[in-house]
Amino acid sequence: MSTLPPPATRQTPEDSLEKRVYEIVESFSKHLPIMNDRNRLGFSLYKYVMGEGDHPAILVKSTKVKIEGISAEELALKLAAEIEKLKK
């Protein structure tokens, strides 16, 4: 039995809004050690930036990410500040 190769994927452009939101979340990787948690939070923050999601203070709790070395409130404040910089 053989396995088919994976489908081809296109990389997100470096200057896209989605990529920049995911980079913000990735910058907190020492506080968010699980990659899947970072991806889930990045998706939720992208939806927030697009006007469809909750504020970062709510998202940090509702996405149930594992946080190390910082409180959830501090992380939410830092994420909100970075998102505000991004919107400008």
C-alpha atoms as a PDB file:
ATOM      1  CA  MET A   1       0.000   0.000   0.000  1.00  0.00           C
ATOM      2  CA  SER A   2       1.368   3.414  -0.875  1.00  0.00           C
ATOM      3  CA  THR A   3       0.687   6.847   0.481  1.00  0.00           C
ATOM      4  CA  LEU A   4      -0.131   9.795  -1.710  1.00  0.00           C
ATOM      5  CA  PRO A   5       1.977  12.938  -1.342  1.00  0.00           C
ATOM      6  CA  PRO A   6       0.429  15.751   0.682  1.00  0.00           C
ATOM      7  CA  PRO A   7      -1.446  18.449  -1.217  1.00  0.00           C
ATOM      8  CA  ALA A   8       0.503  21.489  -2.290  1.00  0.00           C
ATOM      9  CA  THR A   9      -0.021  24.507  -0.058  1.00  0.00           C
ATOM     10  CA  ARG A  10       0.592  28.160  -0.681  1.00  0.00           C
ATOM     11  CA  GLN A  11       2.429  30.195   1.919  1.00  0.00           C
ATOM     12  CA  THR A  12       0.670  33.251   3.302  1.00  0.00           C
ATOM     13  CA  PRO A  13       2.229  36.488   1.998  1.00  0.00           C
ATOM     14  CA  GLU A  14       4.594  38.089   4.514  1.00  0.00           C
ATOM     15  CA  ASP A  15       2.710  41.403   4.531  1.00  0.00           C
ATOM     16  CA  SER A  16      -0.771  39.925   5.037  1.00  0.00           C
ATOM     17  CA  LEU A  17      -2.797  40.784   8.111  1.00  0.00           C
ATOM     18  CA  GLU A  18      -3.254  37.117   8.971  1.00  0.00           C
ATOM     19  CA  LYS A  19       0.494  36.468   8.965  1.00  0.00           C
ATOM     20  CA  ARG A  20       1.154  39.476  11.180  1.00  0.00           C
ATOM     21  CA  VAL A  21      -1.465  38.360  13.732  1.00  0.00           C
ATOM     22  CA  TYR A  22       0.040  34.870  13.887  1.00  0.00           C
ATOM     23  CA  GLU A  23       3.517  36.421  14.322  1.00  0.00           C
ATOM     24  CA  ILE A  24       2.244  38.417  17.295  1.00  0.00           C
ATOM     25  CA  VAL A  25       1.054  35.223  18.955  1.00  0.00           C
ATOM     26  CA  GLU A  26       4.292  33.424  18.034  1.00  0.00           C
ATOM     27  CA  SER A  27       6.269  36.195  19.771  1.00  0.00           C
ATOM     28  CA  PHE A  28       4.748  34.958  23.050  1.00  0.00           C
ATOM     29  CA  SER A  29       5.934  31.378  22.476  1.00  0.00           C
ATOM     30  CA  LYS A  30       7.861  31.275  25.770  1.00  0.00           C
ATOM     31  CA  HIS A  31       4.572  31.953  27.597  1.00  0.00           C
ATOM     32  CA  LEU A  32       2.517  29.704  25.298  1.00  0.00           C
ATOM     33  CA  PRO A  33       4.579  26.503  25.043  1.00  0.00           C
ATOM     34  CA  ILE A  34       2.095  24.398  23.059  1.00  0.00           C
ATOM     35  CA  MET A  35       2.100  25.068  19.327  1.00  0.00           C
ATOM     36  CA  ASN A  36      -1.539  24.088  18.855  1.00  0.00           C
ATOM     37  CA  ASP A  37      -2.539  26.583  21.561  1.00  0.00           C
ATOM     38  CA  ARG A  38      -0.680  29.330  19.695  1.00  0.00           C
ATOM     39  CA  ASN A  39      -2.419  28.390  16.441  1.00  0.00           C
ATOM     40  CA  ARG A  40      -5.847  28.373  18.106  1.00  0.00           C
ATOM     41  CA  LEU A  41      -5.220  31.736  19.762  1.00  0.00           C
ATOM     42  CA  GLY A  42      -3.840  33.172  16.515  1.00  0.00           C
ATOM     43  CA  PHE A  43      -6.959  32.133  14.618  1.00  0.00           C
ATOM     44  CA  SER A  44      -9.202  33.622  17.292  1.00  0.00           C
ATOM     45  CA  LEU A  45      -7.245  36.895  17.302  1.00  0.00           C
ATOM     46  CA  TYR A  46      -7.409  37.067  13.520  1.00  0.00           C
ATOM     47  CA  LYS A  47     -11.201  36.731  13.722  1.00  0.00           C
ATOM     48  CA  TYR A  48     -11.189  39.548  16.324  1.00  0.00           C
ATOM     49  CA  VAL A  49      -9.152  41.807  14.045  1.00  0.00           C
ATOM     50  CA  MET A  50     -11.589  41.069  11.213  1.00  0.00           C
ATOM     51  CA  GLY A  51     -14.477  42.137  13.478  1.00  0.00           C
ATOM     52  CA  GLU A  52     -15.925  38.681  14.130  1.00  0.00           C
ATOM     53  CA  GLY A  53     -14.409  37.631  17.456  1.00  0.00           C
ATOM     54  CA  ASP A  54     -14.107  38.538  21.099  1.00  0.00           C
ATOM     55  CA  HIS A  55     -11.627  40.894  22.745  1.00  0.00           C
ATOM     56  CA  PRO A  56      -8.238  39.355  23.682  1.00  0.00           C
ATOM     57  CA  ALA A  57      -9.167  39.447  27.388  1.00  0.00           C
ATOM     58  CA  ILE A  58     -12.006  37.028  26.646  1.00  0.00           C
ATOM     59  CA  LEU A  59     -10.072  34.980  24.082  1.00  0.00           C
ATOM     60  CA  VAL A  60      -7.224  34.120  26.437  1.00  0.00           C
ATOM     61  CA  LYS A  61      -9.727  32.463  28.759  1.00  0.00           C
ATOM     62  CA  SER A  62     -12.084  30.951  26.174  1.00  0.00           C
ATOM     63  CA  THR A  63      -9.353  29.316  24.057  1.00  0.00           C
ATOM     64  CA  LYS A  64      -8.084  27.528  27.188  1.00  0.00           C
ATOM     65  CA  VAL A  65      -4.406  27.929  26.310  1.00  0.00           C
ATOM     66  CA  LYS A  66      -1.664  26.774  28.671  1.00  0.00           C
ATOM     67  CA  ILE A  67       0.155  29.850  29.966  1.00  0.00           C
ATOM     68  CA  GLU A  68       3.536  29.794  31.709  1.00  0.00           C
ATOM     69  CA  GLY A  69       5.458  32.560  33.461  1.00  0.00           C
ATOM     70  CA  ILE A  70       2.787  35.248  33.096  1.00  0.00           C
ATOM     71  CA  SER A  71      -0.791  35.697  34.246  1.00  0.00           C
ATOM     72  CA  ALA A  72      -3.691  35.413  31.810  1.00  0.00           C
ATOM     73  CA  GLU A  73      -4.595  39.057  32.443  1.00  0.00           C
ATOM     74  CA  GLU A  74      -1.063  40.262  31.637  1.00  0.00           C
ATOM     75  CA  LEU A  75      -0.988  38.182  28.461  1.00  0.00           C
ATOM     76  CA  ALA A  76      -4.353  39.577  27.390  1.00  0.00           C
ATOM     77  CA  LEU A  77      -3.160  43.153  27.969  1.00  0.00           C
ATOM     78  CA  LYS A  78       0.029  42.570  25.976  1.00  0.00           C
ATOM     79  CA  LEU A  79      -1.883  40.928  23.128  1.00  0.00           C
ATOM     80  CA  ALA A  80      -4.399  43.780  23.049  1.00  0.00           C
ATOM     81  CA  ALA A  81      -1.574  46.340  22.909  1.00  0.00           C
ATOM     82  CA  GLU A  82       0.106  44.507  20.019  1.00  0.00           C
ATOM     83  CA  ILE A  83      -3.188  44.234  18.133  1.00  0.00           C
ATOM     84  CA  GLU A  84      -3.789  47.972  18.585  1.00  0.00           C
ATOM     85  CA  LYS A  85      -0.331  48.667  17.100  1.00  0.00           C
ATOM     86  CA  LEU A  86      -1.253  46.431  14.188  1.00  0.00           C
ATOM     87  CA  LYS A  87      -4.507  48.284  13.522  1.00  0.00           C
ATOM     88  CA  LYS A  88      -2.683  51.614  13.195  1.00  0.00           C
END
